[in-house]
Amino acid sequence: MPIGRVTQVVDCREAMGMGKGGGLAQRGTISECRYPDVIVVGMSPGRRHVTKPVCDITSGLRQQGVEYSVSTLVLNAGSGVPPDAPKIAGGVIGAYFGLSDKEIAQIERHKVAILHHGNVRSHVVHKVRFILQACNIPAIVVSQSPVDYEDFAKEGVKTALVMPPADRIVTKGTVAAIVSGVTRGQTPTREKMVEVISAVMKLLKNKEKLE
């Protein structure tokens, strides 16, 4: 049984960051851990899309003594909406949201994914659907805007509480938990961090029982 401090070595990112001091991780980077348990997936950085609070969630999980390894992935094409999302008036400005084969493989190596996709409710739903169509993994959705399981089920996403009709299911993965009210660009409150950590621990323990 360890006594006193426990040292953790963390590889923060795969490449140099952006801005003063290199503080913001570039798109298309991943900080990998020794044992792939939890992966926190964030949007591509930009003026409107900021990766915070992804790093706060990653650090918070480690600081709370979570006995699992946590990786962080900043998507290469994490802005905008997927090509199959309903078109809005005026069309989509900028690039479409997407995943590379490499990113899909990186996500699927883990046991649980935490997906953070910002503040636009419809964008959150369609980005999560797109990821879970490609990745067979239980996911915890973290967002600023309020979303519920029915929002995802209506779009064919499997969820822990509401399941779409069998002929309308389009995802391999499942929305296992939702934590809304996490403000984009700010450090999450202690209460929200507790919600995220509790959801992570519950999912990992359930997966251990099944294994």
N, C-alpha and C. Protein backbone atom coordinates (compact mmCIF):
# COMPACT_ATOMS: atom_id res chain seq x y z
N MET A 1 0.85 -1.19 0.00
CA MET A 1 0.00 0.00 0.00
C MET A 1 0.89 1.25 0.00
N PRO A 2 0.71 2.15 -1.00
CA PRO A 2 1.58 3.34 -1.07
C PRO A 2 1.30 4.32 0.06
N ILE A 3 2.36 4.92 0.58
CA ILE A 3 2.23 5.92 1.63
C ILE A 3 2.81 7.23 1.12
N GLY A 4 2.07 8.34 1.32
CA GLY A 4 2.56 9.64 0.86
C GLY A 4 2.15 9.93 -0.57
N ARG A 5 2.96 10.68 -1.28
CA ARG A 5 2.62 11.11 -2.62
C ARG A 5 2.86 10.00 -3.65
N VAL A 6 2.02 10.02 -4.69
CA VAL A 6 2.17 9.10 -5.81
C VAL A 6 2.50 9.94 -7.04
N THR A 7 3.61 9.65 -7.69
CA THR A 7 4.04 10.42 -8.86
C THR A 7 3.42 9.87 -10.13
N GLN A 8 2.89 10.78 -10.97
CA GLN A 8 2.36 10.40 -12.27
C GLN A 8 3.12 11.15 -13.35
N VAL A 9 3.52 10.44 -14.39
CA VAL A 9 4.17 11.07 -15.53
C VAL A 9 3.14 11.19 -16.64
N VAL A 10 2.90 12.42 -17.11
CA VAL A 10 1.85 12.67 -18.10
C VAL A 10 2.46 13.25 -19.36
N ASP A 11 2.19 12.62 -20.51
CA ASP A 11 2.60 13.15 -21.81
C ASP A 11 1.46 14.04 -22.29
N CYS A 12 1.63 15.36 -22.21
CA CYS A 12 0.52 16.28 -22.44
C CYS A 12 0.03 16.30 -23.88
N ARG A 13 0.91 16.21 -24.84
CA ARG A 13 0.44 16.26 -26.22
C ARG A 13 1.48 15.68 -27.16
N GLU A 14 1.01 15.38 -28.36
CA GLU A 14 1.86 14.75 -29.36
C GLU A 14 2.73 15.77 -30.09
N ALA A 15 2.24 17.04 -30.17
CA ALA A 15 2.97 18.08 -30.88
C ALA A 15 2.93 19.37 -30.10
N MET A 16 3.74 20.35 -30.54
CA MET A 16 3.78 21.65 -29.87
C MET A 16 2.42 22.32 -29.88
N GLY A 17 2.11 23.06 -28.82
CA GLY A 17 0.83 23.73 -28.73
C GLY A 17 0.79 25.03 -29.52
N MET A 18 -0.35 25.74 -29.41
CA MET A 18 -0.55 26.99 -30.14
C MET A 18 -0.58 28.15 -29.15
N GLY A 19 -0.27 29.35 -29.63
CA GLY A 19 -0.37 30.53 -28.79
C GLY A 19 0.82 30.70 -27.88
N LYS A 20 0.79 31.72 -27.03
CA LYS A 20 1.90 32.01 -26.12
C LYS A 20 2.15 30.83 -25.19
N GLY A 21 3.39 30.40 -25.15
CA GLY A 21 3.74 29.31 -24.25
C GLY A 21 3.31 27.95 -24.75
N GLY A 22 2.70 27.90 -25.95
CA GLY A 22 2.25 26.61 -26.48
C GLY A 22 1.19 25.98 -25.60
N GLY A 23 0.31 26.81 -25.02
CA GLY A 23 -0.64 26.29 -24.05
C GLY A 23 -1.82 25.55 -24.62
N LEU A 24 -2.18 25.80 -25.89
CA LEU A 24 -3.37 25.17 -26.46
C LEU A 24 -2.96 24.08 -27.44
N ALA A 25 -3.42 22.87 -27.21
CA ALA A 25 -3.04 21.75 -28.06
C ALA A 25 -3.54 21.96 -29.48
N GLN A 26 -2.72 21.58 -30.45
CA GLN A 26 -3.10 21.70 -31.85
C GLN A 26 -4.12 20.63 -32.21
N ARG A 27 -4.84 20.89 -33.32
CA ARG A 27 -5.75 19.87 -33.84
C ARG A 27 -4.95 18.66 -34.30
N GLY A 28 -5.58 17.50 -34.26
CA GLY A 28 -4.93 16.30 -34.73
C GLY A 28 -3.88 15.75 -33.79
N THR A 29 -3.94 16.11 -32.50
CA THR A 29 -2.95 15.59 -31.55
C THR A 29 -3.62 14.75 -30.49
N ILE A 30 -2.86 13.85 -29.91
CA ILE A 30 -3.38 13.01 -28.83
C ILE A 30 -2.29 12.86 -27.77
N SER A 31 -2.68 12.95 -26.51
CA SER A 31 -1.77 12.61 -25.42
C SER A 31 -2.14 11.21 -24.98
N GLU A 32 -1.26 10.28 -25.20
CA GLU A 32 -1.57 8.88 -24.92
C GLU A 32 -1.05 8.46 -23.56
N CYS A 33 -1.70 7.46 -22.99
CA CYS A 33 -1.31 6.93 -21.69
C CYS A 33 -0.88 5.48 -21.87
N ARG A 34 -0.33 4.92 -20.81
CA ARG A 34 0.20 3.56 -20.89
C ARG A 34 -0.90 2.53 -21.10
N TYR A 35 -1.97 2.66 -20.34
CA TYR A 35 -3.09 1.72 -20.45
C TYR A 35 -4.32 2.49 -20.95
N PRO A 36 -4.85 2.15 -22.13
CA PRO A 36 -5.96 2.92 -22.71
C PRO A 36 -7.30 2.63 -22.04
N ASP A 37 -7.65 3.39 -21.04
CA ASP A 37 -8.92 3.20 -20.34
C ASP A 37 -9.95 4.26 -20.76
N VAL A 38 -9.63 5.54 -20.53
CA VAL A 38 -10.56 6.63 -20.81
C VAL A 38 -9.92 7.58 -21.81
N ILE A 39 -10.71 7.99 -22.84
CA ILE A 39 -10.22 9.00 -23.78
C ILE A 39 -11.18 10.19 -23.76
N VAL A 40 -10.63 11.40 -23.61
CA VAL A 40 -11.41 12.63 -23.62
C VAL A 40 -11.24 13.26 -24.99
N VAL A 41 -12.34 13.39 -25.75
CA VAL A 41 -12.29 13.88 -27.12
C VAL A 41 -12.79 15.32 -27.17
N GLY A 42 -11.95 16.22 -27.69
CA GLY A 42 -12.31 17.63 -27.76
C GLY A 42 -12.38 18.14 -29.19
N MET A 43 -13.00 19.32 -29.36
CA MET A 43 -13.14 19.95 -30.66
C MET A 43 -11.80 20.50 -31.12
N SER A 44 -11.72 20.82 -32.41
CA SER A 44 -10.53 21.49 -32.93
C SER A 44 -10.47 22.91 -32.38
N PRO A 45 -9.28 23.40 -32.03
CA PRO A 45 -9.18 24.76 -31.49
C PRO A 45 -9.42 25.81 -32.56
N GLY A 46 -9.95 26.94 -32.18
CA GLY A 46 -10.21 28.06 -33.08
C GLY A 46 -10.80 29.20 -32.29
N ARG A 47 -11.21 30.25 -32.99
CA ARG A 47 -11.75 31.42 -32.28
C ARG A 47 -13.06 31.09 -31.57
N ARG A 48 -13.89 30.23 -32.16
CA ARG A 48 -15.16 29.87 -31.55
C ARG A 48 -15.10 28.54 -30.81
N HIS A 49 -14.24 27.64 -31.27
CA HIS A 49 -14.14 26.33 -30.66
C HIS A 49 -12.86 26.27 -29.83
N VAL A 50 -13.01 26.11 -28.54
CA VAL A 50 -11.85 26.02 -27.65
C VAL A 50 -11.84 24.65 -26.99
N THR A 51 -10.64 24.12 -26.82
CA THR A 51 -10.54 22.77 -26.26
C THR A 51 -10.84 22.73 -24.76
N LYS A 52 -10.66 23.85 -24.07
CA LYS A 52 -11.03 23.89 -22.66
C LYS A 52 -12.54 23.69 -22.58
N PRO A 53 -13.10 22.83 -21.73
CA PRO A 53 -12.52 22.27 -20.51
C PRO A 53 -11.99 20.84 -20.62
N VAL A 54 -11.60 20.41 -21.83
CA VAL A 54 -11.12 19.04 -22.00
C VAL A 54 -9.91 18.75 -21.11
N CYS A 55 -8.93 19.68 -21.11
CA CYS A 55 -7.74 19.47 -20.29
C CYS A 55 -8.08 19.46 -18.80
N ASP A 56 -9.06 20.31 -18.40
CA ASP A 56 -9.46 20.34 -16.99
C ASP A 56 -10.07 19.00 -16.57
N ILE A 57 -10.88 18.42 -17.46
CA ILE A 57 -11.50 17.13 -17.15
C ILE A 57 -10.43 16.05 -17.03
N THR A 58 -9.48 16.05 -17.98
CA THR A 58 -8.40 15.07 -17.95
C THR A 58 -7.59 15.19 -16.66
N SER A 59 -7.22 16.43 -16.32
CA SER A 59 -6.43 16.67 -15.10
C SER A 59 -7.24 16.32 -13.86
N GLY A 60 -8.52 16.68 -13.87
CA GLY A 60 -9.38 16.41 -12.72
C GLY A 60 -9.51 14.92 -12.43
N LEU A 61 -9.63 14.11 -13.48
CA LEU A 61 -9.72 12.67 -13.29
C LEU A 61 -8.44 12.13 -12.64
N ARG A 62 -7.29 12.65 -13.10
CA ARG A 62 -6.02 12.19 -12.54
C ARG A 62 -5.84 12.68 -11.11
N GLN A 63 -6.22 13.94 -10.84
CA GLN A 63 -6.04 14.52 -9.51
C GLN A 63 -6.91 13.84 -8.46
N GLN A 64 -8.06 13.31 -8.90
CA GLN A 64 -8.96 12.67 -7.96
C GLN A 64 -8.55 11.23 -7.65
N GLY A 65 -7.40 10.84 -8.18
CA GLY A 65 -6.90 9.50 -7.87
C GLY A 65 -7.62 8.40 -8.61
N VAL A 66 -8.19 8.75 -9.77
CA VAL A 66 -8.85 7.72 -10.57
C VAL A 66 -7.80 6.70 -11.00
N GLU A 67 -8.02 5.47 -10.66
CA GLU A 67 -7.01 4.43 -10.89
C GLU A 67 -7.10 3.85 -12.30
N TYR A 68 -7.23 4.74 -13.26
CA TYR A 68 -7.27 4.34 -14.65
C TYR A 68 -6.47 5.35 -15.45
N SER A 69 -6.06 4.97 -16.64
CA SER A 69 -5.29 5.87 -17.49
C SER A 69 -6.22 6.71 -18.35
N VAL A 70 -5.87 7.99 -18.52
CA VAL A 70 -6.71 8.93 -19.25
C VAL A 70 -5.93 9.55 -20.40
N SER A 71 -6.46 9.46 -21.63
CA SER A 71 -5.86 10.08 -22.81
C SER A 71 -6.71 11.28 -23.23
N THR A 72 -6.10 12.18 -24.02
CA THR A 72 -6.83 13.31 -24.58
C THR A 72 -6.60 13.35 -26.08
N LEU A 73 -7.69 13.54 -26.85
CA LEU A 73 -7.60 13.62 -28.31
C LEU A 73 -8.26 14.91 -28.78
N VAL A 74 -7.49 15.76 -29.48
CA VAL A 74 -8.04 16.97 -30.11
C VAL A 74 -8.24 16.64 -31.59
N LEU A 75 -9.49 16.63 -32.04
CA LEU A 75 -9.80 16.18 -33.39
C LEU A 75 -9.22 17.10 -34.45
N ASN A 76 -8.84 16.51 -35.58
CA ASN A 76 -8.31 17.28 -36.70
C ASN A 76 -9.41 18.08 -37.38
N ALA A 77 -10.61 17.47 -37.51
CA ALA A 77 -11.74 18.15 -38.14
C ALA A 77 -12.91 18.19 -37.16
N GLY A 78 -12.68 18.83 -36.01
CA GLY A 78 -13.68 18.82 -34.94
C GLY A 78 -14.62 20.00 -34.95
N SER A 79 -14.51 20.88 -35.94
CA SER A 79 -15.41 22.04 -36.03
C SER A 79 -16.55 21.75 -37.00
N GLY A 80 -17.57 22.62 -36.99
CA GLY A 80 -18.68 22.46 -37.91
C GLY A 80 -19.59 21.30 -37.53
N VAL A 81 -20.34 20.79 -38.51
CA VAL A 81 -21.24 19.66 -38.29
C VAL A 81 -20.94 18.58 -39.31
N PRO A 82 -21.34 17.33 -39.07
CA PRO A 82 -21.10 16.25 -40.04
C PRO A 82 -21.83 16.52 -41.34
N PRO A 83 -21.35 15.95 -42.44
CA PRO A 83 -21.98 16.15 -43.75
C PRO A 83 -23.44 15.70 -43.80
N ASP A 84 -23.81 14.71 -42.98
CA ASP A 84 -25.17 14.18 -43.02
C ASP A 84 -26.12 14.88 -42.05
N ALA A 85 -25.65 15.94 -41.39
CA ALA A 85 -26.52 16.69 -40.49
C ALA A 85 -27.51 17.52 -41.30
N PRO A 86 -28.72 17.77 -40.77
CA PRO A 86 -29.69 18.60 -41.49
C PRO A 86 -29.11 19.96 -41.83
N LYS A 87 -29.35 20.40 -43.05
CA LYS A 87 -28.82 21.68 -43.51
C LYS A 87 -29.63 22.83 -42.90
N ILE A 88 -28.93 23.89 -42.50
CA ILE A 88 -29.58 25.07 -41.96
C ILE A 88 -29.57 26.17 -43.01
N ALA A 89 -30.39 27.19 -42.79
CA ALA A 89 -30.48 28.29 -43.74
C ALA A 89 -29.12 28.94 -43.92
N GLY A 90 -28.71 29.13 -45.16
CA GLY A 90 -27.41 29.74 -45.43
C GLY A 90 -26.29 28.74 -45.54
N GLY A 91 -26.56 27.44 -45.20
CA GLY A 91 -25.55 26.41 -45.32
C GLY A 91 -24.55 26.44 -44.18
N VAL A 92 -23.51 25.63 -44.32
CA VAL A 92 -22.48 25.50 -43.30
C VAL A 92 -21.29 26.38 -43.65
N ILE A 93 -20.81 27.16 -42.70
CA ILE A 93 -19.65 28.00 -42.91
C ILE A 93 -18.42 27.24 -42.43
N GLY A 94 -17.42 27.08 -43.30
CA GLY A 94 -16.21 26.39 -42.89
C GLY A 94 -16.26 24.91 -43.20
N ALA A 95 -15.33 24.18 -42.61
CA ALA A 95 -15.19 22.75 -42.90
C ALA A 95 -16.25 21.93 -42.17
N TYR A 96 -16.49 20.73 -42.70
CA TYR A 96 -17.39 19.78 -42.06
C TYR A 96 -16.67 19.03 -40.94
N PHE A 97 -17.43 18.62 -39.95
CA PHE A 97 -16.92 17.77 -38.88
C PHE A 97 -16.65 16.38 -39.45
N GLY A 98 -15.57 15.74 -39.02
CA GLY A 98 -15.27 14.41 -39.51
C GLY A 98 -14.25 13.69 -38.65
N LEU A 99 -14.07 12.40 -38.93
CA LEU A 99 -13.10 11.56 -38.23
C LEU A 99 -12.21 10.86 -39.24
N SER A 100 -10.94 10.74 -38.92
CA SER A 100 -10.05 9.96 -39.77
C SER A 100 -10.02 8.53 -39.26
N ASP A 101 -9.53 7.62 -40.11
CA ASP A 101 -9.40 6.22 -39.68
C ASP A 101 -8.49 6.10 -38.47
N LYS A 102 -7.46 6.94 -38.44
CA LYS A 102 -6.52 6.93 -37.31
C LYS A 102 -7.22 7.33 -36.03
N GLU A 103 -8.07 8.38 -36.09
CA GLU A 103 -8.78 8.84 -34.90
C GLU A 103 -9.79 7.80 -34.41
N ILE A 104 -10.46 7.13 -35.35
CA ILE A 104 -11.40 6.07 -34.97
C ILE A 104 -10.66 4.96 -34.22
N ALA A 105 -9.50 4.56 -34.74
CA ALA A 105 -8.71 3.51 -34.08
C ALA A 105 -8.24 3.97 -32.70
N GLN A 106 -7.83 5.25 -32.59
CA GLN A 106 -7.38 5.77 -31.30
C GLN A 106 -8.50 5.75 -30.27
N ILE A 107 -9.70 6.12 -30.68
CA ILE A 107 -10.84 6.14 -29.76
C ILE A 107 -11.22 4.72 -29.34
N GLU A 108 -11.27 3.80 -30.32
CA GLU A 108 -11.75 2.45 -30.03
C GLU A 108 -10.77 1.63 -29.20
N ARG A 109 -9.54 2.10 -29.05
CA ARG A 109 -8.58 1.39 -28.19
C ARG A 109 -8.97 1.50 -26.72
N HIS A 110 -9.80 2.48 -26.40
CA HIS A 110 -10.15 2.76 -25.01
C HIS A 110 -11.45 2.08 -24.58
N LYS A 111 -11.70 2.10 -23.28
CA LYS A 111 -12.90 1.46 -22.73
C LYS A 111 -14.08 2.43 -22.66
N VAL A 112 -13.79 3.71 -22.43
CA VAL A 112 -14.82 4.73 -22.26
C VAL A 112 -14.37 6.01 -22.95
N ALA A 113 -15.31 6.70 -23.62
CA ALA A 113 -14.99 7.98 -24.25
C ALA A 113 -15.79 9.10 -23.59
N ILE A 114 -15.12 10.24 -23.33
CA ILE A 114 -15.81 11.45 -22.88
C ILE A 114 -15.80 12.39 -24.07
N LEU A 115 -16.99 12.78 -24.56
CA LEU A 115 -17.12 13.58 -25.77
C LEU A 115 -17.56 14.99 -25.41
N HIS A 116 -16.74 15.99 -25.75
CA HIS A 116 -17.08 17.38 -25.48
C HIS A 116 -17.22 18.12 -26.80
N HIS A 117 -18.42 18.64 -27.08
CA HIS A 117 -18.68 19.28 -28.37
C HIS A 117 -19.39 20.62 -28.26
N GLY A 118 -19.20 21.33 -27.15
CA GLY A 118 -19.58 22.73 -27.13
C GLY A 118 -20.98 23.08 -26.70
N ASN A 119 -21.56 24.09 -27.36
CA ASN A 119 -22.73 24.77 -26.83
C ASN A 119 -23.94 24.76 -27.76
N VAL A 120 -23.81 24.35 -29.01
CA VAL A 120 -24.95 24.33 -29.93
C VAL A 120 -25.60 22.96 -29.85
N ARG A 121 -26.84 22.93 -29.38
CA ARG A 121 -27.50 21.66 -29.06
C ARG A 121 -27.53 20.69 -30.24
N SER A 122 -27.96 21.18 -31.41
CA SER A 122 -28.05 20.29 -32.57
C SER A 122 -26.67 19.81 -33.00
N HIS A 123 -25.65 20.67 -32.88
CA HIS A 123 -24.29 20.26 -33.24
C HIS A 123 -23.80 19.14 -32.33
N VAL A 124 -24.07 19.28 -31.02
CA VAL A 124 -23.66 18.26 -30.06
C VAL A 124 -24.25 16.91 -30.43
N VAL A 125 -25.55 16.89 -30.71
CA VAL A 125 -26.25 15.63 -31.02
C VAL A 125 -25.68 14.99 -32.27
N HIS A 126 -25.48 15.77 -33.33
CA HIS A 126 -25.04 15.18 -34.59
C HIS A 126 -23.56 14.81 -34.58
N LYS A 127 -22.75 15.53 -33.83
CA LYS A 127 -21.34 15.15 -33.70
C LYS A 127 -21.21 13.85 -32.93
N VAL A 128 -21.97 13.72 -31.83
CA VAL A 128 -21.93 12.48 -31.04
C VAL A 128 -22.42 11.32 -31.89
N ARG A 129 -23.50 11.53 -32.63
CA ARG A 129 -24.02 10.47 -33.49
C ARG A 129 -22.95 10.02 -34.50
N PHE A 130 -22.27 10.99 -35.12
CA PHE A 130 -21.27 10.68 -36.12
C PHE A 130 -20.13 9.85 -35.52
N ILE A 131 -19.67 10.23 -34.34
CA ILE A 131 -18.59 9.49 -33.68
C ILE A 131 -19.03 8.08 -33.32
N LEU A 132 -20.23 7.95 -32.75
CA LEU A 132 -20.69 6.63 -32.30
C LEU A 132 -21.14 5.75 -33.45
N GLN A 133 -21.37 6.33 -34.63
CA GLN A 133 -21.59 5.50 -35.82
C GLN A 133 -20.32 4.76 -36.19
N ALA A 134 -19.19 5.40 -35.96
CA ALA A 134 -17.89 4.83 -36.36
C ALA A 134 -17.23 4.05 -35.23
N CYS A 135 -17.51 4.43 -33.97
CA CYS A 135 -16.79 3.87 -32.83
C CYS A 135 -17.72 3.09 -31.90
N ASN A 136 -17.37 1.85 -31.66
CA ASN A 136 -18.16 1.01 -30.75
C ASN A 136 -17.62 1.18 -29.34
N ILE A 137 -18.14 2.18 -28.64
CA ILE A 137 -17.63 2.52 -27.31
C ILE A 137 -18.73 3.21 -26.51
N PRO A 138 -18.82 2.97 -25.19
CA PRO A 138 -19.76 3.74 -24.37
C PRO A 138 -19.22 5.15 -24.16
N ALA A 139 -20.11 6.14 -24.26
CA ALA A 139 -19.66 7.54 -24.22
C ALA A 139 -20.37 8.34 -23.15
N ILE A 140 -19.62 9.26 -22.54
CA ILE A 140 -20.18 10.25 -21.63
C ILE A 140 -20.16 11.57 -22.38
N VAL A 141 -21.33 12.16 -22.61
CA VAL A 141 -21.43 13.41 -23.36
C VAL A 141 -21.35 14.58 -22.39
N VAL A 142 -20.41 15.49 -22.63
CA VAL A 142 -20.24 16.69 -21.81
C VAL A 142 -20.53 17.90 -22.70
N SER A 143 -21.49 18.74 -22.29
CA SER A 143 -21.85 19.89 -23.11
C SER A 143 -22.27 21.06 -22.24
N GLN A 144 -22.30 22.24 -22.86
CA GLN A 144 -22.80 23.42 -22.17
C GLN A 144 -24.31 23.49 -22.27
N SER A 145 -24.83 23.25 -23.46
CA SER A 145 -26.27 23.31 -23.67
C SER A 145 -26.93 22.05 -23.10
N PRO A 146 -28.17 22.17 -22.61
CA PRO A 146 -28.87 21.01 -22.07
C PRO A 146 -29.31 20.05 -23.17
N VAL A 147 -28.91 18.82 -23.07
CA VAL A 147 -29.37 17.76 -23.98
C VAL A 147 -29.81 16.58 -23.14
N ASP A 148 -30.71 15.76 -23.68
CA ASP A 148 -31.15 14.58 -22.93
C ASP A 148 -31.10 13.34 -23.83
N TYR A 149 -31.40 12.20 -23.25
CA TYR A 149 -31.30 10.94 -23.97
C TYR A 149 -32.26 10.88 -25.15
N GLU A 150 -33.42 11.50 -25.02
CA GLU A 150 -34.40 11.49 -26.10
C GLU A 150 -33.89 12.24 -27.32
N ASP A 151 -33.12 13.32 -27.10
CA ASP A 151 -32.54 14.06 -28.23
C ASP A 151 -31.67 13.14 -29.09
N PHE A 152 -30.91 12.29 -28.44
CA PHE A 152 -30.03 11.37 -29.17
C PHE A 152 -30.82 10.22 -29.79
N ALA A 153 -31.77 9.68 -29.03
CA ALA A 153 -32.56 8.55 -29.53
C ALA A 153 -33.35 8.93 -30.79
N LYS A 154 -33.81 10.17 -30.86
CA LYS A 154 -34.57 10.63 -32.04
C LYS A 154 -33.71 10.60 -33.30
N GLU A 155 -32.39 10.70 -33.12
CA GLU A 155 -31.47 10.68 -34.26
C GLU A 155 -30.85 9.31 -34.48
N GLY A 156 -31.40 8.29 -33.82
CA GLY A 156 -30.93 6.92 -34.04
C GLY A 156 -29.75 6.51 -33.20
N VAL A 157 -29.44 7.30 -32.15
CA VAL A 157 -28.30 7.00 -31.28
C VAL A 157 -28.76 6.09 -30.13
N LYS A 158 -28.05 5.00 -29.92
CA LYS A 158 -28.34 4.15 -28.76
C LYS A 158 -27.97 4.88 -27.48
N THR A 159 -28.84 4.82 -26.48
CA THR A 159 -28.54 5.45 -25.19
C THR A 159 -28.86 4.47 -24.06
N ALA A 160 -28.36 4.79 -22.88
CA ALA A 160 -28.55 3.91 -21.73
C ALA A 160 -29.99 3.91 -21.23
N LEU A 161 -30.73 5.00 -21.45
CA LEU A 161 -32.08 5.12 -20.89
C LEU A 161 -33.18 5.09 -21.94
N VAL A 162 -32.91 5.60 -23.14
CA VAL A 162 -33.92 5.63 -24.20
C VAL A 162 -33.30 5.01 -25.45
N MET A 163 -33.98 4.00 -26.00
CA MET A 163 -33.45 3.31 -27.18
C MET A 163 -34.32 3.62 -28.40
N PRO A 164 -33.70 3.96 -29.52
CA PRO A 164 -34.48 4.19 -30.75
C PRO A 164 -35.14 2.89 -31.20
N PRO A 165 -36.18 2.96 -32.06
CA PRO A 165 -36.72 1.74 -32.65
C PRO A 165 -35.61 0.96 -33.35
N ALA A 166 -35.70 -0.35 -33.32
CA ALA A 166 -34.63 -1.20 -33.85
C ALA A 166 -34.26 -0.87 -35.29
N ASP A 167 -35.24 -0.49 -36.10
CA ASP A 167 -34.95 -0.21 -37.51
C ASP A 167 -34.37 1.19 -37.73
N ARG A 168 -34.24 1.99 -36.66
CA ARG A 168 -33.71 3.35 -36.79
C ARG A 168 -32.36 3.53 -36.10
N ILE A 169 -31.85 2.47 -35.46
CA ILE A 169 -30.55 2.56 -34.79
C ILE A 169 -29.44 2.69 -35.82
N VAL A 170 -28.60 3.71 -35.67
CA VAL A 170 -27.52 3.94 -36.63
C VAL A 170 -26.14 3.89 -35.99
N THR A 171 -26.06 3.70 -34.68
CA THR A 171 -24.76 3.76 -34.01
C THR A 171 -24.31 2.40 -33.50
N LYS A 172 -22.99 2.25 -33.46
CA LYS A 172 -22.38 1.09 -32.80
C LYS A 172 -22.25 1.38 -31.30
N GLY A 173 -21.78 2.58 -31.00
CA GLY A 173 -21.57 2.99 -29.61
C GLY A 173 -22.84 3.48 -28.96
N THR A 174 -22.74 3.76 -27.66
CA THR A 174 -23.91 4.12 -26.85
C THR A 174 -23.62 5.35 -26.00
N VAL A 175 -24.60 6.27 -25.91
CA VAL A 175 -24.50 7.36 -24.94
C VAL A 175 -24.87 6.78 -23.58
N ALA A 176 -23.88 6.63 -22.72
CA ALA A 176 -24.09 6.00 -21.43
C ALA A 176 -24.43 7.00 -20.33
N ALA A 177 -23.99 8.26 -20.48
CA ALA A 177 -24.25 9.29 -19.48
C ALA A 177 -24.13 10.66 -20.13
N ILE A 178 -24.83 11.64 -19.53
CA ILE A 178 -24.79 13.01 -20.04
C ILE A 178 -24.51 13.95 -18.87
N VAL A 179 -23.55 14.86 -19.07
CA VAL A 179 -23.28 15.91 -18.08
C VAL A 179 -23.38 17.24 -18.81
N SER A 180 -24.47 17.97 -18.64
CA SER A 180 -24.64 19.26 -19.29
C SER A 180 -24.36 20.39 -18.29
N GLY A 181 -24.31 21.62 -18.80
CA GLY A 181 -24.02 22.75 -17.93
C GLY A 181 -22.54 22.98 -17.70
N VAL A 182 -21.68 22.35 -18.54
CA VAL A 182 -20.23 22.57 -18.45
C VAL A 182 -19.88 23.66 -19.45
N THR A 183 -19.58 24.85 -18.96
CA THR A 183 -19.40 26.01 -19.82
C THR A 183 -18.14 25.91 -20.66
N ARG A 184 -18.31 26.13 -21.97
CA ARG A 184 -17.19 26.08 -22.91
C ARG A 184 -16.20 27.20 -22.59
N GLY A 185 -14.92 26.85 -22.56
CA GLY A 185 -13.89 27.85 -22.34
C GLY A 185 -13.61 28.17 -20.88
N GLN A 186 -14.28 27.49 -19.97
CA GLN A 186 -14.07 27.75 -18.54
C GLN A 186 -13.81 26.44 -17.81
N THR A 187 -13.14 26.57 -16.66
CA THR A 187 -12.89 25.39 -15.82
C THR A 187 -14.21 24.90 -15.24
N PRO A 188 -14.50 23.59 -15.33
CA PRO A 188 -15.76 23.07 -14.79
C PRO A 188 -15.84 23.26 -13.27
N THR A 189 -17.05 23.42 -12.77
CA THR A 189 -17.23 23.54 -11.33
C THR A 189 -16.93 22.20 -10.66
N ARG A 190 -16.73 22.24 -9.36
CA ARG A 190 -16.46 21.01 -8.61
C ARG A 190 -17.61 20.02 -8.76
N GLU A 191 -18.85 20.56 -8.75
CA GLU A 191 -20.03 19.69 -8.86
C GLU A 191 -20.05 18.95 -10.20
N LYS A 192 -19.71 19.67 -11.29
CA LYS A 192 -19.72 19.04 -12.61
C LYS A 192 -18.59 18.02 -12.74
N MET A 193 -17.44 18.32 -12.14
CA MET A 193 -16.34 17.36 -12.17
C MET A 193 -16.72 16.09 -11.44
N VAL A 194 -17.43 16.24 -10.33
CA VAL A 194 -17.89 15.07 -9.58
C VAL A 194 -18.83 14.22 -10.44
N GLU A 195 -19.72 14.88 -11.20
CA GLU A 195 -20.63 14.15 -12.08
C GLU A 195 -19.86 13.36 -13.13
N VAL A 196 -18.86 13.99 -13.74
CA VAL A 196 -18.07 13.32 -14.78
C VAL A 196 -17.30 12.15 -14.19
N ILE A 197 -16.63 12.38 -13.07
CA ILE A 197 -15.83 11.32 -12.44
C ILE A 197 -16.70 10.15 -12.01
N SER A 198 -17.87 10.45 -11.44
CA SER A 198 -18.79 9.38 -11.01
C SER A 198 -19.25 8.55 -12.20
N ALA A 199 -19.56 9.21 -13.32
CA ALA A 199 -20.00 8.49 -14.51
C ALA A 199 -18.88 7.61 -15.06
N VAL A 200 -17.66 8.13 -15.07
CA VAL A 200 -16.51 7.36 -15.55
C VAL A 200 -16.29 6.12 -14.69
N MET A 201 -16.28 6.30 -13.38
CA MET A 201 -16.03 5.18 -12.47
C MET A 201 -17.11 4.11 -12.60
N LYS A 202 -18.36 4.53 -12.74
CA LYS A 202 -19.47 3.58 -12.88
C LYS A 202 -19.32 2.75 -14.15
N LEU A 203 -18.99 3.40 -15.26
CA LEU A 203 -18.85 2.69 -16.53
C LEU A 203 -17.68 1.71 -16.50
N LEU A 204 -16.55 2.15 -15.96
CA LEU A 204 -15.37 1.28 -15.93
C LEU A 204 -15.59 0.07 -15.02
N LYS A 205 -16.24 0.29 -13.91
CA LYS A 205 -16.53 -0.84 -13.01
C LYS A 205 -17.48 -1.83 -13.66
N ASN A 206 -18.48 -1.32 -14.41
CA ASN A 206 -19.41 -2.21 -15.11
C ASN A 206 -18.69 -3.02 -16.18
N LYS A 207 -17.75 -2.38 -16.89
CA LYS A 207 -17.00 -3.09 -17.93
C LYS A 207 -16.09 -4.15 -17.31
N GLU A 208 -15.53 -3.87 -16.13
CA GLU A 208 -14.68 -4.84 -15.45
C GLU A 208 -15.50 -6.07 -15.05
N LYS A 209 -16.73 -5.86 -14.61
CA LYS A 209 -17.59 -6.97 -14.21
C LYS A 209 -17.91 -7.85 -15.42
N LEU A 210 -18.15 -7.21 -16.59
CA LEU A 210 -18.48 -7.97 -17.79
C LEU A 210 -17.29 -8.76 -18.30
N GLU A 211 -16.09 -8.20 -18.06
CA GLU A 211 -14.87 -8.89 -18.52
C GLU A 211 -14.50 -10.03 -17.60
